[in-house]
Each structure stands twice: as C-alpha cells, then as structure tokens.
Amino acid sequence: MRAAPKRYEVVLTEGAAQDLEALYDYIAQFDRIQNANHVLDRLMAIVEDLSEFPERGSHPRDLLALGIRAYRQVLFKPYRAIYRVVNDNQVVIHLIVDGRRNMQSMLARRLLGA
C-alpha cells in the first residue's frame, strides 16, 4: 500500500493576499468579472497544488542573478506566484504579480526589503 503524499501548509503573506485582491479588482474593473473570476480560480489552483508539490516551481531568474536560490515561482502567464518552502512543512507565498511589471523593483521591495 502506498503512503499518502506529504502535504505542506500553504500560507499567503498579507502582501500576497493584497496582490490577489488588487489583481482581481483590476481585471474586474477593466475587463470582465468572469475573467477576474477565472484568473483568481487558476491562481488559487496553482497555489493549492503547492501543498503537494512545493518543489515544482522554478527559481526566478531575477533572483538567481543575485545568487538567491531560496525562492521559487509558479506561473499562470503572465502572472507569477513567488514563494519559499520553510520548515520542511510549509510553503509561504510572498508575491503574486503580473509578470509584465517591473520585477526588479517588485522583488527588491517585497523580498529583499530594499
């Protein structure tokens, strides 16, 4: 009999939760509510998948260029969820953002405290 896969607790930081709300509001205002719902559903599905497969994400090139390998990302283009696996049982989502934005400044501000 196969053992059940290990499950990680997935936590959104306050900033990541605000990112989701802002993305939803923007799409609902400038496009359609149905599209905002679709994007939110897809992003939440991706986030939930991390509870079983936290190592599936790639390392963001923007951070690798700085020698930082602690963070990973999963994509629903053009959106990126940037996270870190902590304590061997928890995934912390730090940032959910439209990848077309200035990622250098977003990452520096949110992840590196600059």
PDB file of N, CA and C in Angstrom:
ATOM      1  N   MET A   1       0.839  -1.174   0.000  1.00  0.00           N
ATOM      2  CA  MET A   1       0.000   0.000   0.000  1.00  0.00           C
ATOM      3  C   MET A   1       0.890   1.245   0.000  1.00  0.00           C
ATOM      4  N   ARG A   2       0.543   2.207  -0.821  1.00  0.00           N
ATOM      5  CA  ARG A   2       1.318   3.442  -0.927  1.00  0.00           C
ATOM      6  C   ARG A   2       0.947   4.398   0.173  1.00  0.00           C
ATOM      7  N   ALA A   3       1.964   5.073   0.688  1.00  0.00           N
ATOM      8  CA  ALA A   3       1.726   6.093   1.712  1.00  0.00           C
ATOM      9  C   ALA A   3       1.159   7.339   1.050  1.00  0.00           C
ATOM     10  N   ALA A   4       0.324   8.037   1.772  1.00  0.00           N
ATOM     11  CA  ALA A   4      -0.232   9.295   1.254  1.00  0.00           C
ATOM     12  C   ALA A   4       0.904  10.289   1.077  1.00  0.00           C
ATOM     13  N   PRO A   5       0.861  11.097   0.001  1.00  0.00           N
ATOM     14  CA  PRO A   5       1.928  12.084  -0.196  1.00  0.00           C
ATOM     15  C   PRO A   5       1.932  13.106   0.934  1.00  0.00           C
ATOM     16  N   LYS A   6       3.121  13.557   1.242  1.00  0.00           N
ATOM     17  CA  LYS A   6       3.268  14.580   2.273  1.00  0.00           C
ATOM     18  C   LYS A   6       2.574  15.855   1.817  1.00  0.00           C
ATOM     19  N   ARG A   7       1.844  16.481   2.714  1.00  0.00           N
ATOM     20  CA  ARG A   7       1.147  17.732   2.390  1.00  0.00           C
ATOM     21  C   ARG A   7       1.783  18.877   3.160  1.00  0.00           C
ATOM     22  N   TYR A   8       1.970  19.965   2.471  1.00  0.00           N
ATOM     23  CA  TYR A   8       2.525  21.169   3.053  1.00  0.00           C
ATOM     24  C   TYR A   8       1.395  22.161   3.320  1.00  0.00           C
ATOM     25  N   GLU A   9       1.546  22.919   4.358  1.00  0.00           N
ATOM     26  CA  GLU A   9       0.608  24.012   4.626  1.00  0.00           C
ATOM     27  C   GLU A   9       1.002  25.174   3.714  1.00  0.00           C
ATOM     28  N   VAL A  10       0.042  25.729   2.995  1.00  0.00           N
ATOM     29  CA  VAL A  10       0.302  26.863   2.113  1.00  0.00           C
ATOM     30  C   VAL A  10      -0.264  28.117   2.767  1.00  0.00           C
ATOM     31  N   VAL A  11       0.607  29.120   2.924  1.00  0.00           N
ATOM     32  CA  VAL A  11       0.239  30.359   3.602  1.00  0.00           C
ATOM     33  C   VAL A  11       0.530  31.528   2.675  1.00  0.00           C
ATOM     34  N   LEU A  12      -0.427  32.433   2.547  1.00  0.00           N
ATOM     35  CA  LEU A  12      -0.200  33.671   1.806  1.00  0.00           C
ATOM     36  C   LEU A  12       0.180  34.759   2.802  1.00  0.00           C
ATOM     37  N   THR A  13       1.243  35.485   2.512  1.00  0.00           N
ATOM     38  CA  THR A  13       1.558  36.636   3.337  1.00  0.00           C
ATOM     39  C   THR A  13       0.477  37.685   3.121  1.00  0.00           C
ATOM     40  N   GLU A  14       0.443  38.656   3.977  1.00  0.00           N
ATOM     41  CA  GLU A  14      -0.530  39.742   3.819  1.00  0.00           C
ATOM     42  C   GLU A  14      -0.340  40.426   2.467  1.00  0.00           C
ATOM     43  N   GLY A  15       0.915  40.606   2.072  1.00  0.00           N
ATOM     44  CA  GLY A  15       1.200  41.233   0.779  1.00  0.00           C
ATOM     45  C   GLY A  15       0.689  40.409  -0.385  1.00  0.00           C
ATOM     46  N   ALA A  16       0.845  39.087  -0.328  1.00  0.00           N
ATOM     47  CA  ALA A  16       0.359  38.219  -1.408  1.00  0.00           C
ATOM     48  C   ALA A  16      -1.164  38.226  -1.476  1.00  0.00           C
ATOM     49  N   ALA A  17      -1.820  38.243  -0.323  1.00  0.00           N
ATOM     50  CA  ALA A  17      -3.291  38.314  -0.303  1.00  0.00           C
ATOM     51  C   ALA A  17      -3.763  39.632  -0.911  1.00  0.00           C
ATOM     52  N   GLN A  18      -3.058  40.710  -0.607  1.00  0.00           N
ATOM     53  CA  GLN A  18      -3.393  42.011  -1.186  1.00  0.00           C
ATOM     54  C   GLN A  18      -3.133  42.012  -2.687  1.00  0.00           C
ATOM     55  N   ASP A  19      -2.076  41.321  -3.112  1.00  0.00           N
ATOM     56  CA  ASP A  19      -1.796  41.205  -4.549  1.00  0.00           C
ATOM     57  C   ASP A  19      -2.963  40.547  -5.276  1.00  0.00           C
ATOM     58  N   LEU A  20      -3.477  39.442  -4.722  1.00  0.00           N
ATOM     59  CA  LEU A  20      -4.608  38.745  -5.337  1.00  0.00           C
ATOM     60  C   LEU A  20      -5.828  39.646  -5.439  1.00  0.00           C
ATOM     61  N   GLU A  21      -6.103  40.352  -4.360  1.00  0.00           N
ATOM     62  CA  GLU A  21      -7.263  41.255  -4.349  1.00  0.00           C
ATOM     63  C   GLU A  21      -7.101  42.360  -5.387  1.00  0.00           C
ATOM     64  N   ALA A  22      -5.902  42.938  -5.481  1.00  0.00           N
ATOM     65  CA  ALA A  22      -5.658  44.014  -6.436  1.00  0.00           C
ATOM     66  C   ALA A  22      -5.768  43.512  -7.877  1.00  0.00           C
ATOM     67  N   LEU A  23      -5.236  42.304  -8.153  1.00  0.00           N
ATOM     68  CA  LEU A  23      -5.348  41.737  -9.497  1.00  0.00           C
ATOM     69  C   LEU A  23      -6.809  41.506  -9.867  1.00  0.00           C
ATOM     70  N   TYR A  24      -7.558  40.936  -8.940  1.00  0.00           N
ATOM     71  CA  TYR A  24      -8.974  40.675  -9.177  1.00  0.00           C
ATOM     72  C   TYR A  24      -9.710  41.988  -9.463  1.00  0.00           C
ATOM     73  N   ASP A  25      -9.510  42.976  -8.609  1.00  0.00           N
ATOM     74  CA  ASP A  25     -10.197  44.263  -8.770  1.00  0.00           C
ATOM     75  C   ASP A  25      -9.851  44.919 -10.104  1.00  0.00           C
ATOM     76  N   TYR A  26      -8.577  44.863 -10.494  1.00  0.00           N
ATOM     77  CA  TYR A  26      -8.138  45.481 -11.736  1.00  0.00           C
ATOM     78  C   TYR A  26      -8.809  44.806 -12.936  1.00  0.00           C
ATOM     79  N   ILE A  27      -8.775  43.461 -12.964  1.00  0.00           N
ATOM     80  CA  ILE A  27      -9.369  42.740 -14.091  1.00  0.00           C
ATOM     81  C   ILE A  27     -10.879  42.959 -14.130  1.00  0.00           C
ATOM     82  N   ALA A  28     -11.523  42.928 -12.970  1.00  0.00           N
ATOM     83  CA  ALA A  28     -12.974  43.138 -12.916  1.00  0.00           C
ATOM     84  C   ALA A  28     -13.352  44.531 -13.405  1.00  0.00           C
ATOM     85  N   GLN A  29     -12.517  45.518 -13.078  1.00  0.00           N
ATOM     86  CA  GLN A  29     -12.833  46.896 -13.465  1.00  0.00           C
ATOM     87  C   GLN A  29     -12.556  47.156 -14.944  1.00  0.00           C
ATOM     88  N   PHE A  30     -11.449  46.651 -15.460  1.00  0.00           N
ATOM     89  CA  PHE A  30     -11.039  46.998 -16.815  1.00  0.00           C
ATOM     90  C   PHE A  30     -11.315  45.907 -17.854  1.00  0.00           C
ATOM     91  N   ASP A  31     -11.807  44.774 -17.414  1.00  0.00           N
ATOM     92  CA  ASP A  31     -12.165  43.697 -18.339  1.00  0.00           C
ATOM     93  C   ASP A  31     -13.560  43.219 -17.955  1.00  0.00           C
ATOM     94  N   ARG A  32     -13.680  41.973 -17.514  1.00  0.00           N
ATOM     95  CA  ARG A  32     -14.987  41.449 -17.105  1.00  0.00           C
ATOM     96  C   ARG A  32     -14.838  40.689 -15.794  1.00  0.00           C
ATOM     97  N   ILE A  33     -15.890  40.654 -15.028  1.00  0.00           N
ATOM     98  CA  ILE A  33     -15.866  39.920 -13.756  1.00  0.00           C
ATOM     99  C   ILE A  33     -15.610  38.435 -14.009  1.00  0.00           C
ATOM    100  N   GLN A  34     -16.159  37.897 -15.095  1.00  0.00           N
ATOM    101  CA  GLN A  34     -15.937  36.482 -15.409  1.00  0.00           C
ATOM    102  C   GLN A  34     -14.449  36.206 -15.607  1.00  0.00           C
ATOM    103  N   ASN A  35     -13.747  37.107 -16.265  1.00  0.00           N
ATOM    104  CA  ASN A  35     -12.303  36.927 -16.466  1.00  0.00           C
ATOM    105  C   ASN A  35     -11.559  37.059 -15.144  1.00  0.00           C
ATOM    106  N   ALA A  36     -11.985  37.987 -14.301  1.00  0.00           N
ATOM    107  CA  ALA A  36     -11.362  38.142 -12.979  1.00  0.00           C
ATOM    108  C   ALA A  36     -11.558  36.861 -12.169  1.00  0.00           C
ATOM    109  N   ASN A  37     -12.754  36.276 -12.225  1.00  0.00           N
ATOM    110  CA  ASN A  37     -13.021  35.027 -11.514  1.00  0.00           C
ATOM    111  C   ASN A  37     -12.150  33.891 -12.045  1.00  0.00           C
ATOM    112  N   HIS A  38     -12.004  33.833 -13.364  1.00  0.00           N
ATOM    113  CA  HIS A  38     -11.180  32.789 -13.991  1.00  0.00           C
ATOM    114  C   HIS A  38      -9.722  32.897 -13.532  1.00  0.00           C
ATOM    115  N   VAL A  39      -9.182  34.094 -13.586  1.00  0.00           N
ATOM    116  CA  VAL A  39      -7.788  34.297 -13.176  1.00  0.00           C
ATOM    117  C   VAL A  39      -7.616  33.943 -11.696  1.00  0.00           C
ATOM    118  N   LEU A  40      -8.525  34.390 -10.855  1.00  0.00           N
ATOM    119  CA  LEU A  40      -8.450  34.085  -9.430  1.00  0.00           C
ATOM    120  C   LEU A  40      -8.528  32.572  -9.196  1.00  0.00           C
ATOM    121  N   ASP A  41      -9.441  31.901  -9.876  1.00  0.00           N
ATOM    122  CA  ASP A  41      -9.570  30.447  -9.726  1.00  0.00           C
ATOM    123  C   ASP A  41      -8.289  29.726 -10.134  1.00  0.00           C
ATOM    124  N   ARG A  42      -7.713  30.130 -11.252  1.00  0.00           N
ATOM    125  CA  ARG A  42      -6.475  29.480 -11.737  1.00  0.00           C
ATOM    126  C   ARG A  42      -5.314  29.733 -10.791  1.00  0.00           C
ATOM    127  N   LEU A  43      -5.181  30.975 -10.320  1.00  0.00           N
ATOM    128  CA  LEU A  43      -4.096  31.278  -9.386  1.00  0.00           C
ATOM    129  C   LEU A  43      -4.258  30.506  -8.077  1.00  0.00           C
ATOM    130  N   MET A  44      -5.472  30.398  -7.584  1.00  0.00           N
ATOM    131  CA  MET A  44      -5.702  29.651  -6.347  1.00  0.00           C
ATOM    132  C   MET A  44      -5.438  28.159  -6.551  1.00  0.00           C
ATOM    133  N   ALA A  45      -5.757  27.619  -7.716  1.00  0.00           N
ATOM    134  CA  ALA A  45      -5.472  26.210  -8.005  1.00  0.00           C
ATOM    135  C   ALA A  45      -3.969  25.956  -8.018  1.00  0.00           C
ATOM    136  N   ILE A  46      -3.230  26.872  -8.611  1.00  0.00           N
ATOM    137  CA  ILE A  46      -1.775  26.752  -8.649  1.00  0.00           C
ATOM    138  C   ILE A  46      -1.205  26.800  -7.233  1.00  0.00           C
ATOM    139  N   VAL A  47      -1.707  27.728  -6.436  1.00  0.00           N
ATOM    140  CA  VAL A  47      -1.252  27.864  -5.054  1.00  0.00           C
ATOM    141  C   VAL A  47      -1.567  26.583  -4.275  1.00  0.00           C
ATOM    142  N   GLU A  48      -2.763  26.047  -4.441  1.00  0.00           N
ATOM    143  CA  GLU A  48      -3.149  24.823  -3.727  1.00  0.00           C
ATOM    144  C   GLU A  48      -2.302  23.629  -4.150  1.00  0.00           C
ATOM    145  N   ASP A  49      -1.914  23.566  -5.427  1.00  0.00           N
ATOM    146  CA  ASP A  49      -1.070  22.469  -5.897  1.00  0.00           C
ATOM    147  C   ASP A  49       0.268  22.436  -5.165  1.00  0.00           C
ATOM    148  N   LEU A  50       0.703  23.575  -4.674  1.00  0.00           N
ATOM    149  CA  LEU A  50       1.971  23.623  -3.951  1.00  0.00           C
ATOM    150  C   LEU A  50       1.916  22.836  -2.648  1.00  0.00           C
ATOM    151  N   SER A  51       0.722  22.550  -2.140  1.00  0.00           N
ATOM    152  CA  SER A  51       0.618  21.769  -0.908  1.00  0.00           C
ATOM    153  C   SER A  51       1.135  20.334  -1.109  1.00  0.00           C
ATOM    154  N   GLU A  52       1.099  19.844  -2.337  1.00  0.00           N
ATOM    155  CA  GLU A  52       1.609  18.513  -2.633  1.00  0.00           C
ATOM    156  C   GLU A  52       2.940  18.526  -3.373  1.00  0.00           C
ATOM    157  N   PHE A  53       3.172  19.572  -4.145  1.00  0.00           N
ATOM    158  CA  PHE A  53       4.376  19.622  -4.989  1.00  0.00           C
ATOM    159  C   PHE A  53       5.100  20.953  -4.825  1.00  0.00           C
ATOM    160  N   PRO A  54       5.643  21.236  -3.654  1.00  0.00           N
ATOM    161  CA  PRO A  54       6.240  22.553  -3.430  1.00  0.00           C
ATOM    162  C   PRO A  54       7.537  22.802  -4.203  1.00  0.00           C
ATOM    163  N   GLU A  55       8.210  21.741  -4.606  1.00  0.00           N
ATOM    164  CA  GLU A  55       9.485  21.916  -5.320  1.00  0.00           C
ATOM    165  C   GLU A  55       9.299  22.029  -6.824  1.00  0.00           C
ATOM    166  N   ARG A  56       8.065  22.037  -7.297  1.00  0.00           N
ATOM    167  CA  ARG A  56       7.825  22.035  -8.743  1.00  0.00           C
ATOM    168  C   ARG A  56       8.173  23.354  -9.412  1.00  0.00           C
ATOM    169  N   GLY A  57       8.152  24.423  -8.673  1.00  0.00           N
ATOM    170  CA  GLY A  57       8.414  25.729  -9.265  1.00  0.00           C
ATOM    171  C   GLY A  57       9.880  25.939  -9.614  1.00  0.00           C
ATOM    172  N   SER A  58      10.092  26.817 -10.551  1.00  0.00           N
ATOM    173  CA  SER A  58      11.458  27.164 -10.948  1.00  0.00           C
ATOM    174  C   SER A  58      11.980  28.304 -10.078  1.00  0.00           C
ATOM    175  N   HIS A  59      13.291  28.474 -10.086  1.00  0.00           N
ATOM    176  CA  HIS A  59      13.892  29.601  -9.385  1.00  0.00           C
ATOM    177  C   HIS A  59      13.790  30.832 -10.287  1.00  0.00           C
ATOM    178  N   PRO A  60      13.274  31.954  -9.773  1.00  0.00           N
ATOM    179  CA  PRO A  60      13.167  33.165 -10.606  1.00  0.00           C
ATOM    180  C   PRO A  60      14.550  33.634 -11.079  1.00  0.00           C
ATOM    181  N   ARG A  61      14.677  33.833 -12.386  1.00  0.00           N
ATOM    182  CA  ARG A  61      15.960  34.298 -12.948  1.00  0.00           C
ATOM    183  C   ARG A  61      16.409  35.608 -12.321  1.00  0.00           C
ATOM    184  N   ASP A  62      15.430  36.478 -12.016  1.00  0.00           N
ATOM    185  CA  ASP A  62      15.761  37.776 -11.430  1.00  0.00           C
ATOM    186  C   ASP A  62      16.529  37.608 -10.122  1.00  0.00           C
ATOM    187  N   LEU A  63      16.163  36.587  -9.350  1.00  0.00           N
ATOM    188  CA  LEU A  63      16.826  36.338  -8.067  1.00  0.00           C
ATOM    189  C   LEU A  63      18.086  35.491  -8.232  1.00  0.00           C
ATOM    190  N   LEU A  64      18.078  34.560  -9.174  1.00  0.00           N
ATOM    191  CA  LEU A  64      19.278  33.767  -9.424  1.00  0.00           C
ATOM    192  C   LEU A  64      20.446  34.660  -9.823  1.00  0.00           C
ATOM    193  N   ALA A  65      20.139  35.725 -10.573  1.00  0.00           N
ATOM    194  CA  ALA A  65      21.185  36.663 -10.993  1.00  0.00           C
ATOM    195  C   ALA A  65      21.856  37.316  -9.786  1.00  0.00           C
ATOM    196  N   LEU A  66      21.144  37.352  -8.659  1.00  0.00           N
ATOM    197  CA  LEU A  66      21.691  37.922  -7.418  1.00  0.00           C
ATOM    198  C   LEU A  66      22.248  36.836  -6.501  1.00  0.00           C
ATOM    199  N   GLY A  67      22.234  35.589  -6.972  1.00  0.00           N
ATOM    200  CA  GLY A  67      22.740  34.484  -6.171  1.00  0.00           C
ATOM    201  C   GLY A  67      21.748  33.978  -5.130  1.00  0.00           C
ATOM    202  N   ILE A  68      20.477  34.310  -5.283  1.00  0.00           N
ATOM    203  CA  ILE A  68      19.452  33.918  -4.318  1.00  0.00           C
ATOM    204  C   ILE A  68      18.665  32.731  -4.870  1.00  0.00           C
ATOM    205  N   ARG A  69      18.739  31.589  -4.155  1.00  0.00           N
ATOM    206  CA  ARG A  69      18.049  30.372  -4.586  1.00  0.00           C
ATOM    207  C   ARG A  69      16.969  29.936  -3.597  1.00  0.00           C
ATOM    208  N   ALA A  70      16.650  30.750  -2.635  1.00  0.00           N
ATOM    209  CA  ALA A  70      15.686  30.376  -1.596  1.00  0.00           C
ATOM    210  C   ALA A  70      14.246  30.431  -2.085  1.00  0.00           C
ATOM    211  N   TYR A  71      13.996  31.152  -3.165  1.00  0.00           N
ATOM    212  CA  TYR A  71      12.631  31.359  -3.642  1.00  0.00           C
ATOM    213  C   TYR A  71      12.385  30.577  -4.922  1.00  0.00           C
ATOM    214  N   ARG A  72      11.125  30.238  -5.123  1.00  0.00           N
ATOM    215  CA  ARG A  72      10.683  29.571  -6.346  1.00  0.00           C
ATOM    216  C   ARG A  72       9.482  30.331  -6.890  1.00  0.00           C
ATOM    217  N   GLN A  73       9.083  29.984  -8.107  1.00  0.00           N
ATOM    218  CA  GLN A  73       7.913  30.617  -8.708  1.00  0.00           C
ATOM    219  C   GLN A  73       7.106  29.596  -9.484  1.00  0.00           C
ATOM    220  N   VAL A  74       5.803  29.815  -9.514  1.00  0.00           N
ATOM    221  CA  VAL A  74       4.911  29.076 -10.403  1.00  0.00           C
ATOM    222  C   VAL A  74       4.182  30.115 -11.232  1.00  0.00           C
ATOM    223  N   LEU A  75       3.825  29.721 -12.447  1.00  0.00           N
ATOM    224  CA  LEU A  75       3.285  30.676 -13.402  1.00  0.00           C
ATOM    225  C   LEU A  75       1.896  30.299 -13.885  1.00  0.00           C
ATOM    226  N   PHE A  76       1.087  31.296 -14.075  1.00  0.00           N
ATOM    227  CA  PHE A  76      -0.126  31.256 -14.889  1.00  0.00           C
ATOM    228  C   PHE A  76      -0.003  32.542 -15.697  1.00  0.00           C
ATOM    229  N   LYS A  77       0.663  32.416 -16.848  1.00  0.00           N
ATOM    230  CA  LYS A  77       1.087  33.596 -17.602  1.00  0.00           C
ATOM    231  C   LYS A  77      -0.058  34.553 -17.846  1.00  0.00           C
ATOM    232  N   PRO A  78       0.240  35.825 -17.635  1.00  0.00           N
ATOM    233  CA  PRO A  78       1.519  36.436 -17.299  1.00  0.00           C
ATOM    234  C   PRO A  78       1.761  36.557 -15.789  1.00  0.00           C
ATOM    235  N   TYR A  79       0.991  35.859 -14.976  1.00  0.00           N
ATOM    236  CA  TYR A  79       1.073  36.031 -13.526  1.00  0.00           C
ATOM    237  C   TYR A  79       2.099  35.083 -12.910  1.00  0.00           C
ATOM    238  N   ARG A  80       2.757  35.560 -11.869  1.00  0.00           N
ATOM    239  CA  ARG A  80       3.781  34.790 -11.174  1.00  0.00           C
ATOM    240  C   ARG A  80       3.470  34.782  -9.686  1.00  0.00           C
ATOM    241  N   ALA A  81       3.559  33.607  -9.081  1.00  0.00           N
ATOM    242  CA  ALA A  81       3.466  33.486  -7.626  1.00  0.00           C
ATOM    243  C   ALA A  81       4.854  33.090  -7.140  1.00  0.00           C
ATOM    244  N   ILE A  82       5.434  33.924  -6.295  1.00  0.00           N
ATOM    245  CA  ILE A  82       6.788  33.697  -5.800  1.00  0.00           C
ATOM    246  C   ILE A  82       6.683  33.254  -4.344  1.00  0.00           C
ATOM    247  N   TYR A  83       7.340  32.143  -4.040  1.00  0.00           N
ATOM    248  CA  TYR A  83       7.176  31.519  -2.735  1.00  0.00           C
ATOM    249  C   TYR A  83       8.488  30.915  -2.237  1.00  0.00           C
ATOM    250  N   ARG A  84       8.418  30.455  -0.993  1.00  0.00           N
ATOM    251  CA  ARG A  84       9.561  29.816  -0.349  1.00  0.00           C
ATOM    252  C   ARG A  84       9.045  28.649   0.482  1.00  0.00           C
ATOM    253  N   VAL A  85       9.767  27.549   0.462  1.00  0.00           N
ATOM    254  CA  VAL A  85       9.442  26.406   1.307  1.00  0.00           C
ATOM    255  C   VAL A  85      10.203  26.600   2.618  1.00  0.00           C
ATOM    256  N   VAL A  86       9.469  26.561   3.734  1.00  0.00           N
ATOM    257  CA  VAL A  86      10.095  26.770   5.048  1.00  0.00           C
ATOM    258  C   VAL A  86       9.739  25.616   5.985  1.00  0.00           C
ATOM    259  N   ASN A  87      10.620  25.354   6.930  1.00  0.00           N
ATOM    260  CA  ASN A  87      10.391  24.371   7.992  1.00  0.00           C
ATOM    261  C   ASN A  87      10.027  22.984   7.477  1.00  0.00           C
ATOM    262  N   ASP A  88      10.325  22.674   6.242  1.00  0.00           N
ATOM    263  CA  ASP A  88      10.067  21.366   5.657  1.00  0.00           C
ATOM    264  C   ASP A  88       8.601  20.933   5.715  1.00  0.00           C
ATOM    265  N   ASN A  89       7.700  21.888   5.998  1.00  0.00           N
ATOM    266  CA  ASN A  89       6.278  21.516   6.009  1.00  0.00           C
ATOM    267  C   ASN A  89       5.369  22.678   5.639  1.00  0.00           C
ATOM    268  N   GLN A  90       5.947  23.791   5.214  1.00  0.00           N
ATOM    269  CA  GLN A  90       5.136  24.973   4.928  1.00  0.00           C
ATOM    270  C   GLN A  90       5.650  25.679   3.678  1.00  0.00           C
ATOM    271  N   VAL A  91       4.707  26.159   2.886  1.00  0.00           N
ATOM    272  CA  VAL A  91       5.008  26.967   1.704  1.00  0.00           C
ATOM    273  C   VAL A  91       4.443  28.350   1.977  1.00  0.00           C
ATOM    274  N   VAL A  92       5.298  29.369   1.874  1.00  0.00           N
ATOM    275  CA  VAL A  92       4.867  30.740   2.113  1.00  0.00           C
ATOM    276  C   VAL A  92       4.905  31.493   0.785  1.00  0.00           C
ATOM    277  N   ILE A  93       3.729  31.956   0.344  1.00  0.00           N
ATOM    278  CA  ILE A  93       3.624  32.747  -0.883  1.00  0.00           C
ATOM    279  C   ILE A  93       3.893  34.196  -0.491  1.00  0.00           C
ATOM    280  N   HIS A  94       4.917  34.789  -1.102  1.00  0.00           N
ATOM    281  CA  HIS A  94       5.307  36.153  -0.770  1.00  0.00           C
ATOM    282  C   HIS A  94       4.781  37.192  -1.737  1.00  0.00           C
ATOM    283  N   LEU A  95       4.544  36.786  -2.986  1.00  0.00           N
ATOM    284  CA  LEU A  95       4.232  37.763  -4.025  1.00  0.00           C
ATOM    285  C   LEU A  95       3.426  37.087  -5.125  1.00  0.00           C
ATOM    286  N   ILE A  96       2.350  37.718  -5.546  1.00  0.00           N
ATOM    287  CA  ILE A  96       1.589  37.267  -6.715  1.00  0.00           C
ATOM    288  C   ILE A  96       1.420  38.504  -7.583  1.00  0.00           C
ATOM    289  N   VAL A  97       2.014  38.463  -8.764  1.00  0.00           N
ATOM    290  CA  VAL A  97       2.116  39.693  -9.546  1.00  0.00           C
ATOM    291  C   VAL A  97       2.024  39.402 -11.039  1.00  0.00           C
ATOM    292  N   ASP A  98       1.602  40.408 -11.769  1.00  0.00           N
ATOM    293  CA  ASP A  98       1.629  40.368 -13.224  1.00  0.00           C
ATOM    294  C   ASP A  98       3.100  40.465 -13.635  1.00  0.00           C
ATOM    295  N   GLY A  99       3.585  39.457 -14.312  1.00  0.00           N
ATOM    296  CA  GLY A  99       4.990  39.395 -14.700  1.00  0.00           C
ATOM    297  C   GLY A  99       5.422  40.461 -15.680  1.00  0.00           C
ATOM    298  N   ARG A 100       4.490  41.235 -16.206  1.00  0.00           N
ATOM    299  CA  ARG A 100       4.854  42.314 -17.136  1.00  0.00           C
ATOM    300  C   ARG A 100       5.279  43.571 -16.397  1.00  0.00           C
ATOM    301  N   ARG A 101       5.099  43.566 -15.083  1.00  0.00           N
ATOM    302  CA  ARG A 101       5.512  44.729 -14.283  1.00  0.00           C
ATOM    303  C   ARG A 101       7.017  44.719 -14.097  1.00  0.00           C
ATOM    304  N   ASN A 102       7.549  45.795 -13.543  1.00  0.00           N
ATOM    305  CA  ASN A 102       8.977  45.887 -13.284  1.00  0.00           C
ATOM    306  C   ASN A 102       9.332  44.947 -12.134  1.00  0.00           C
ATOM    307  N   MET A 103       9.779  43.750 -12.494  1.00  0.00           N
ATOM    308  CA  MET A 103      10.010  42.721 -11.492  1.00  0.00           C
ATOM    309  C   MET A 103      11.195  43.039 -10.595  1.00  0.00           C
ATOM    310  N   GLN A 104      12.211  43.679 -11.125  1.00  0.00           N
ATOM    311  CA  GLN A 104      13.371  44.001 -10.291  1.00  0.00           C
ATOM    312  C   GLN A 104      12.961  44.822  -9.075  1.00  0.00           C
ATOM    313  N   SER A 105      12.177  45.862  -9.302  1.00  0.00           N
ATOM    314  CA  SER A 105      11.784  46.711  -8.174  1.00  0.00           C
ATOM    315  C   SER A 105      10.791  45.996  -7.262  1.00  0.00           C
ATOM    316  N   MET A 106       9.870  45.197  -7.830  1.00  0.00           N
ATOM    317  CA  MET A 106       8.910  44.451  -7.007  1.00  0.00           C
ATOM    318  C   MET A 106       9.626  43.462  -6.092  1.00  0.00           C
ATOM    319  N   LEU A 107      10.561  42.713  -6.656  1.00  0.00           N
ATOM    320  CA  LEU A 107      11.290  41.718  -5.871  1.00  0.00           C
ATOM    321  C   LEU A 107      12.161  42.393  -4.824  1.00  0.00           C
ATOM    322  N   ALA A 108      12.826  43.456  -5.211  1.00  0.00           N
ATOM    323  CA  ALA A 108      13.690  44.159  -4.254  1.00  0.00           C
ATOM    324  C   ALA A 108      12.881  44.698  -3.077  1.00  0.00           C
ATOM    325  N   ARG A 109      11.734  45.279  -3.372  1.00  0.00           N
ATOM    326  CA  ARG A 109      10.902  45.872  -2.333  1.00  0.00           C
ATOM    327  C   ARG A 109      10.279  44.811  -1.418  1.00  0.00           C
ATOM    328  N   ARG A 110       9.720  43.791  -2.014  1.00  0.00           N
ATOM    329  CA  ARG A 110       8.937  42.829  -1.233  1.00  0.00           C
ATOM    330  C   ARG A 110       9.799  41.748  -0.598  1.00  0.00           C
ATOM    331  N   LEU A 111      10.771  41.220  -1.336  1.00  0.00           N
ATOM    332  CA  LEU A 111      11.529  40.078  -0.836  1.00  0.00           C
ATOM    333  C   LEU A 111      12.839  40.465  -0.177  1.00  0.00           C
ATOM    334  N   LEU A 112      13.454  41.519  -0.678  1.00  0.00           N
ATOM    335  CA  LEU A 112      14.784  41.875  -0.183  1.00  0.00           C
ATOM    336  C   LEU A 112      14.751  43.079   0.747  1.00  0.00           C
ATOM    337  N   GLY A 113      13.578  43.639   0.955  1.00  0.00           N
ATOM    338  CA  GLY A 113      13.442  44.761   1.887  1.00  0.00           C
ATOM    339  C   GLY A 113      14.120  46.032   1.455  1.00  0.00           C
ATOM    340  N   ALA A 114      14.328  46.203   0.157  1.00  0.00           N
ATOM    341  CA  ALA A 114      15.002  47.421  -0.331  1.00  0.00           C
ATOM    342  C   ALA A 114      14.017  48.544  -0.551  1.00  0.00           C
TER     343      ALA A 114
END
